[in-house]
Amino acid sequence: MRKIALIVFLILLSSLNAYAQEWMKSLSIAKRLALTENKMILMMWEEATLYPFPVIMYDDDGRKIFVEDMFTVPEIEEILWENFVPLTINESMYDDLYKEIKGKRKLTYIDKFNDDTIKILDVNGNILNAKNVYSTSRVNLTELILKYALDTKFLKQELINYRNKKDFYSTFYLASKYVDYAIYNIRNIREEILDLSNIYLKEAKDLLEDSNLENKEKLEQRIRLIRMKQDLMLNNPKKVLRQLKRINAPTIENANTPLIAFLYLTAYRLLNDEVNAAEWRPKVSLINIKISQLIINNNR
């Protein structure tokens, strides 16, 4: 986690001549910069920045600071640049951006896209905090930074592959990598990362249907298995076992058997069923046993 220097005197005694880097105006350039710097994008509609945007912050001693308009405090912009790529998008781009998500996103996502609050985007412009609805007139900026200032280095190669060539494989592997990324993140953001991975899984499924790939059945099965892995992370082992038992043995692709073994092992371990887990343990690699343990630890 990047250092967050939220110090009272920087805000209360800020110099009028303090330098503050302006927010970016180009979405395409912001995406490239975020990829290079392993950051998320902090985005707002440009017209929303023309009005006071009150925020709450905390200093290193836990004291609350009220700021009537974060756009008037240069130090806040410096903090945002330290942790994100700040971006404003002109309303003239709304129609084009909306067309990209129309009919492809949940209502909560569309609502977040439309509102005037802060949106956290990944390097491809997908909203991470789609479920985040602010219940007060003041945004707790400290909590927002602590939660969403992610280091995306873990995802970098998959993000680069997706940017260079968007096909089924690059999209699927990015979705799968986001699932693994969620395992290593704290509980309060894990479900949102999984929602982000679902965007790419859905896109991968659509790309697969439109492709000429010969092994579609194996790949479709792989998508279903990754969704089961998500369910395990959300502590739904019984649901996963029901789905696994519906898979007919002759239809299981050899390439998918290690993942199936992992799912069985983790599901039984989540249920504290060590008898059935023992059957699958020898079929799971040491690395995946460690990942299984992480999922179990995360659900305790």
Protein backbone atom coordinates (compact mmCIF):
# COMPACT_ATOMS: atom_id res chain seq x y z
CA MET A 1 0.00 0.00 0.00
CA ARG A 2 1.36 3.39 -0.97
CA LYS A 3 2.11 5.79 1.88
CA ILE A 4 -0.74 8.19 2.60
CA ALA A 5 0.48 11.39 4.20
CA LEU A 6 -2.67 12.94 5.62
CA ILE A 7 -1.22 15.58 7.96
CA VAL A 8 -3.29 18.37 9.47
CA PHE A 9 -0.90 21.24 8.98
CA LEU A 10 -0.53 20.49 5.27
CA ILE A 11 -4.20 21.28 4.88
CA LEU A 12 -4.73 24.01 7.43
CA LEU A 13 -1.50 25.87 6.62
CA SER A 14 -1.26 25.21 2.92
CA SER A 15 0.54 27.85 0.89
CA LEU A 16 -1.35 29.64 -1.83
CA ASN A 17 1.67 29.04 -4.04
CA ALA A 18 1.76 25.30 -3.41
CA TYR A 19 2.14 23.30 -6.58
CA ALA A 20 -0.64 20.92 -7.51
CA GLN A 21 -0.63 18.81 -10.64
CA GLU A 22 -3.82 19.19 -12.64
CA TRP A 23 -6.09 16.21 -13.17
CA MET A 24 -5.76 14.47 -16.51
CA LYS A 25 -8.32 15.18 -19.22
CA SER A 26 -7.66 12.29 -21.61
CA LEU A 27 -9.03 8.85 -20.74
CA SER A 28 -6.70 7.07 -23.17
CA ILE A 29 -3.59 8.73 -21.74
CA ALA A 30 -4.80 8.12 -18.16
CA LYS A 31 -5.19 4.42 -18.97
CA ARG A 32 -1.64 4.19 -20.30
CA LEU A 33 -0.24 6.06 -17.31
CA ALA A 34 -2.15 3.86 -14.86
CA LEU A 35 -0.75 0.76 -16.56
CA THR A 36 2.78 2.12 -16.40
CA GLU A 37 2.52 3.17 -12.74
CA ASN A 38 0.51 0.13 -11.55
CA LYS A 39 -2.31 2.34 -10.28
CA MET A 40 -6.06 2.64 -10.49
CA ILE A 41 -7.71 5.70 -12.06
CA LEU A 42 -9.72 8.08 -9.88
CA MET A 43 -12.31 9.60 -12.20
CA MET A 44 -15.03 12.24 -11.99
CA TRP A 45 -17.24 13.87 -14.57
CA GLU A 46 -15.76 17.27 -15.37
CA GLU A 47 -18.93 19.22 -14.63
CA ALA A 48 -19.08 17.70 -11.14
CA THR A 49 -15.70 19.26 -10.34
CA LEU A 50 -17.05 22.77 -10.96
CA TYR A 51 -18.93 22.68 -7.65
CA PRO A 52 -17.60 22.28 -4.08
CA PHE A 53 -16.90 18.65 -3.23
CA PRO A 54 -16.76 18.30 0.57
CA VAL A 55 -14.63 15.51 2.05
CA ILE A 56 -13.59 14.14 5.42
CA MET A 57 -9.99 13.19 6.13
CA TYR A 58 -8.05 11.89 9.12
CA ASP A 59 -4.55 12.85 10.18
CA ASP A 60 -1.92 10.43 11.46
CA ASP A 61 -3.31 10.78 14.99
CA GLY A 62 -6.84 9.88 13.92
CA ARG A 63 -8.22 13.41 14.16
CA LYS A 64 -11.02 14.23 11.74
CA ILE A 65 -10.57 17.08 9.26
CA PHE A 66 -13.47 18.65 7.36
CA VAL A 67 -12.65 20.10 3.95
CA GLU A 68 -15.42 22.03 2.23
CA ASP A 69 -14.00 21.60 -1.26
CA MET A 70 -11.20 19.15 -2.00
CA PHE A 71 -10.50 20.90 -5.32
CA THR A 72 -9.25 24.00 -3.49
CA VAL A 73 -6.58 22.18 -1.44
CA PRO A 74 -3.41 21.52 -3.46
CA GLU A 75 -2.14 18.97 -0.93
CA ILE A 76 -5.18 16.77 -1.55
CA GLU A 77 -4.40 16.71 -5.24
CA GLU A 78 -0.84 15.69 -4.41
CA ILE A 79 -2.15 12.86 -2.23
CA LEU A 80 -4.51 11.73 -5.01
CA TRP A 81 -1.66 11.74 -7.53
CA GLU A 82 0.46 9.70 -5.14
CA ASN A 83 -2.16 6.97 -5.02
CA PHE A 84 -4.13 7.18 -8.30
CA VAL A 85 -4.19 8.71 -11.73
CA PRO A 86 -6.78 11.51 -11.22
CA LEU A 87 -8.95 12.05 -14.29
CA THR A 88 -11.87 14.25 -15.30
CA ILE A 89 -13.96 13.32 -18.32
CA ASN A 90 -15.97 15.86 -20.25
CA GLU A 91 -19.71 15.23 -20.57
CA SER A 92 -19.29 15.25 -24.36
CA MET A 93 -17.81 11.73 -24.05
CA TYR A 94 -20.82 10.39 -22.15
CA ASP A 95 -22.72 8.92 -25.12
CA ASP A 96 -19.71 7.04 -26.50
CA LEU A 97 -18.78 5.63 -23.09
CA TYR A 98 -22.37 4.67 -22.31
CA LYS A 99 -22.68 2.75 -25.58
CA GLU A 100 -19.77 0.55 -24.49
CA ILE A 101 -21.61 -0.62 -21.36
CA LYS A 102 -25.28 -0.42 -22.38
CA GLY A 103 -26.90 -3.80 -21.83
CA LYS A 104 -23.65 -5.25 -20.48
CA ARG A 105 -23.64 -4.03 -16.88
CA LYS A 106 -25.85 -4.29 -13.80
CA LEU A 107 -28.11 -1.41 -12.76
CA THR A 108 -25.84 -0.56 -9.82
CA TYR A 109 -22.93 -0.19 -12.25
CA ILE A 110 -24.93 2.07 -14.57
CA ASP A 111 -26.04 4.20 -11.62
CA LYS A 112 -22.45 4.62 -10.52
CA PHE A 113 -21.41 5.49 -14.06
CA ASN A 114 -24.07 8.21 -14.16
CA ASP A 115 -23.60 9.83 -10.76
CA ASP A 116 -21.33 12.76 -9.85
CA THR A 117 -19.26 10.94 -7.23
CA ILE A 118 -15.75 9.50 -7.42
CA LYS A 119 -15.33 6.45 -9.61
CA ILE A 120 -12.35 4.10 -9.31
CA LEU A 121 -11.45 2.61 -12.69
CA ASP A 122 -9.02 -0.09 -13.70
CA VAL A 123 -6.64 0.57 -16.59
CA ASN A 124 -9.32 -0.50 -19.07
CA GLY A 125 -11.89 1.95 -17.73
CA ASN A 126 -14.08 -0.52 -15.83
CA ILE A 127 -15.51 0.74 -12.53
CA LEU A 128 -14.30 -1.05 -9.41
CA ASN A 129 -16.42 0.74 -6.78
CA ALA A 130 -19.71 0.23 -8.62
CA LYS A 131 -21.52 -0.75 -5.41
CA ASN A 132 -20.14 2.18 -3.43
CA VAL A 133 -23.01 4.55 -2.70
CA TYR A 134 -22.14 7.46 -0.47
CA SER A 135 -24.69 7.84 2.32
CA THR A 136 -23.54 11.27 3.50
CA SER A 137 -22.86 14.59 1.84
CA ARG A 138 -19.16 14.29 2.72
CA VAL A 139 -16.97 11.58 1.24
CA ASN A 140 -14.48 10.02 3.64
CA LEU A 141 -11.46 10.49 1.43
CA THR A 142 -9.06 8.77 3.82
CA GLU A 143 -11.13 5.57 3.80
CA LEU A 144 -11.52 5.74 0.02
CA ILE A 145 -7.76 5.99 -0.47
CA LEU A 146 -6.98 3.23 2.01
CA LYS A 147 -9.46 0.93 0.30
CA TYR A 148 -8.89 1.64 -3.39
CA ALA A 149 -5.26 2.77 -3.75
CA LEU A 150 -4.29 -0.63 -5.15
CA ASP A 151 -0.93 -1.69 -6.51
CA THR A 152 -1.80 -3.55 -9.71
CA LYS A 153 1.68 -4.88 -10.48
CA PHE A 154 0.38 -8.42 -9.87
CA LEU A 155 -1.94 -7.97 -12.89
CA LYS A 156 0.48 -6.15 -15.16
CA GLN A 157 1.37 -8.83 -17.71
CA GLU A 158 -2.28 -9.84 -18.19
CA LEU A 159 -3.28 -6.18 -18.49
CA ILE A 160 -0.59 -5.65 -21.14
CA ASN A 161 -1.64 -8.78 -23.06
CA TYR A 162 -5.27 -7.64 -23.01
CA ARG A 163 -4.33 -4.17 -24.22
CA ASN A 164 -2.15 -5.52 -27.03
CA LYS A 165 -4.65 -8.09 -28.30
CA LYS A 166 -8.19 -8.44 -26.99
CA ASP A 167 -9.24 -12.01 -27.72
CA PHE A 168 -10.72 -14.87 -25.69
CA TYR A 169 -7.43 -15.96 -24.17
CA SER A 170 -6.15 -12.54 -23.10
CA THR A 171 -9.57 -11.67 -21.68
CA PHE A 172 -10.02 -14.96 -19.86
CA TYR A 173 -6.55 -14.92 -18.34
CA LEU A 174 -7.08 -11.35 -17.13
CA ALA A 175 -10.40 -12.36 -15.53
CA SER A 176 -8.73 -15.35 -13.87
CA LYS A 177 -5.85 -13.18 -12.65
CA TYR A 178 -8.31 -10.75 -11.07
CA VAL A 179 -9.81 -13.70 -9.17
CA ASP A 180 -6.36 -14.58 -7.81
CA TYR A 181 -5.73 -10.91 -7.07
CA ALA A 182 -8.86 -10.84 -4.92
CA ILE A 183 -7.47 -13.67 -2.79
CA TYR A 184 -4.51 -11.54 -1.75
CA ASN A 185 -6.53 -8.40 -0.96
CA ILE A 186 -8.30 -7.45 2.24
CA ARG A 187 -11.84 -8.58 2.86
CA ASN A 188 -13.54 -5.20 2.41
CA ILE A 189 -12.62 -5.00 -1.29
CA ARG A 190 -12.53 -8.67 -2.27
CA GLU A 191 -16.11 -8.85 -3.53
CA GLU A 192 -15.68 -5.73 -5.65
CA ILE A 193 -12.59 -7.20 -7.32
CA LEU A 194 -14.56 -10.36 -8.03
CA ASP A 195 -17.29 -8.23 -9.62
CA LEU A 196 -14.60 -6.69 -11.80
CA SER A 197 -13.36 -10.15 -12.78
CA ASN A 198 -16.93 -11.05 -13.76
CA ILE A 199 -16.94 -8.23 -16.30
CA TYR A 200 -14.00 -9.88 -18.05
CA LEU A 201 -15.42 -13.39 -17.69
CA LYS A 202 -18.61 -12.25 -19.39
CA GLU A 203 -16.57 -10.59 -22.11
CA ALA A 204 -14.47 -13.75 -22.54
CA LYS A 205 -17.63 -15.85 -22.89
CA ASP A 206 -18.98 -13.50 -25.57
CA LEU A 207 -15.65 -13.57 -27.43
CA LEU A 208 -15.61 -17.37 -27.25
CA GLU A 209 -19.09 -17.65 -28.74
CA ASP A 210 -18.06 -15.42 -31.65
CA SER A 211 -14.75 -17.21 -32.23
CA ASN A 212 -13.73 -20.12 -34.45
CA LEU A 213 -11.82 -21.89 -31.70
CA GLU A 214 -12.09 -25.68 -31.93
CA ASN A 215 -11.96 -26.43 -28.19
CA LYS A 216 -14.95 -24.34 -27.15
CA GLU A 217 -16.41 -26.94 -24.80
CA LYS A 218 -13.19 -27.14 -22.79
CA LEU A 219 -12.96 -23.36 -22.57
CA GLU A 220 -16.61 -22.95 -21.62
CA GLN A 221 -16.06 -25.49 -18.87
CA ARG A 222 -13.03 -23.52 -17.72
CA ILE A 223 -15.14 -20.38 -17.38
CA ARG A 224 -17.67 -22.26 -15.25
CA LEU A 225 -14.90 -23.58 -13.02
CA ILE A 226 -13.45 -20.10 -12.47
CA ARG A 227 -16.90 -18.94 -11.40
CA MET A 228 -16.92 -21.78 -8.87
CA LYS A 229 -13.59 -20.54 -7.57
CA GLN A 230 -15.24 -17.16 -7.02
CA ASP A 231 -18.02 -18.88 -5.06
CA LEU A 232 -15.46 -20.54 -2.81
CA MET A 233 -13.94 -17.14 -2.09
CA LEU A 234 -17.41 -15.96 -1.11
CA ASN A 235 -17.72 -18.97 1.23
CA ASN A 236 -20.27 -20.94 -0.79
CA PRO A 237 -18.71 -24.44 -0.71
CA LYS A 238 -22.02 -26.35 -0.80
CA LYS A 239 -23.04 -24.53 -3.97
CA VAL A 240 -19.70 -25.40 -5.55
CA LEU A 241 -20.00 -29.09 -4.65
CA ARG A 242 -23.49 -29.23 -6.16
CA GLN A 243 -22.17 -27.74 -9.39
CA LEU A 244 -19.15 -30.02 -9.49
CA LYS A 245 -21.27 -33.12 -9.02
CA ARG A 246 -23.39 -32.13 -12.03
CA ILE A 247 -20.37 -32.38 -14.30
CA ASN A 248 -20.31 -35.74 -16.04
CA ALA A 249 -16.91 -37.39 -15.77
CA PRO A 250 -16.58 -38.10 -19.53
CA THR A 251 -17.02 -34.39 -20.30
CA ILE A 252 -14.17 -33.27 -18.03
CA GLU A 253 -11.28 -31.98 -20.12
CA ASN A 254 -7.81 -33.13 -19.04
CA ALA A 255 -6.60 -29.54 -18.86
CA ASN A 256 -9.34 -28.78 -16.32
CA THR A 257 -8.76 -31.69 -13.94
CA PRO A 258 -6.23 -29.84 -11.72
CA LEU A 259 -8.70 -27.00 -11.20
CA ILE A 260 -11.51 -29.43 -10.42
CA ALA A 261 -9.32 -31.14 -7.82
CA PHE A 262 -8.53 -27.75 -6.30
CA LEU A 263 -12.23 -26.86 -6.11
CA TYR A 264 -13.15 -30.15 -4.45
CA LEU A 265 -10.31 -29.88 -1.94
CA THR A 266 -11.10 -26.30 -0.99
CA ALA A 267 -14.86 -26.86 -0.80
CA TYR A 268 -14.50 -29.83 1.54
CA ARG A 269 -11.95 -28.00 3.67
CA LEU A 270 -14.28 -25.02 4.01
CA LEU A 271 -16.86 -27.51 5.31
CA ASN A 272 -14.27 -29.00 7.69
CA ASP A 273 -14.73 -32.33 5.90
CA GLU A 274 -11.17 -33.62 6.07
CA VAL A 275 -12.19 -37.16 5.14
CA ASN A 276 -13.37 -36.16 1.66
CA ALA A 277 -10.66 -33.51 1.35
CA ALA A 278 -7.99 -36.17 1.84
CA GLU A 279 -9.07 -37.88 -1.39
CA TRP A 280 -8.31 -34.75 -3.42
CA ARG A 281 -5.21 -33.43 -1.66
CA PRO A 282 -2.69 -35.61 -3.60
CA LYS A 283 -4.14 -34.30 -6.86
CA VAL A 284 -3.46 -30.64 -5.99
CA SER A 285 -0.08 -28.97 -6.41
CA LEU A 286 1.71 -27.46 -3.41
CA ILE A 287 1.18 -23.96 -4.80
CA ASN A 288 -2.56 -24.53 -5.13
CA ILE A 289 -2.74 -26.05 -1.65
CA LYS A 290 -1.32 -22.77 -0.34
CA ILE A 291 -3.92 -20.83 -2.34
CA SER A 292 -6.61 -23.11 -0.96
CA GLN A 293 -5.40 -22.32 2.54
CA LEU A 294 -5.56 -18.59 1.81
CA ILE A 295 -9.19 -18.92 0.72
CA ILE A 296 -9.96 -20.80 3.92
CA ASN A 297 -8.16 -18.20 6.04
CA ASN A 298 -10.02 -15.40 4.27
CA ASN A 299 -13.37 -16.96 5.15
CA ARG A 300 -12.68 -17.41 8.84
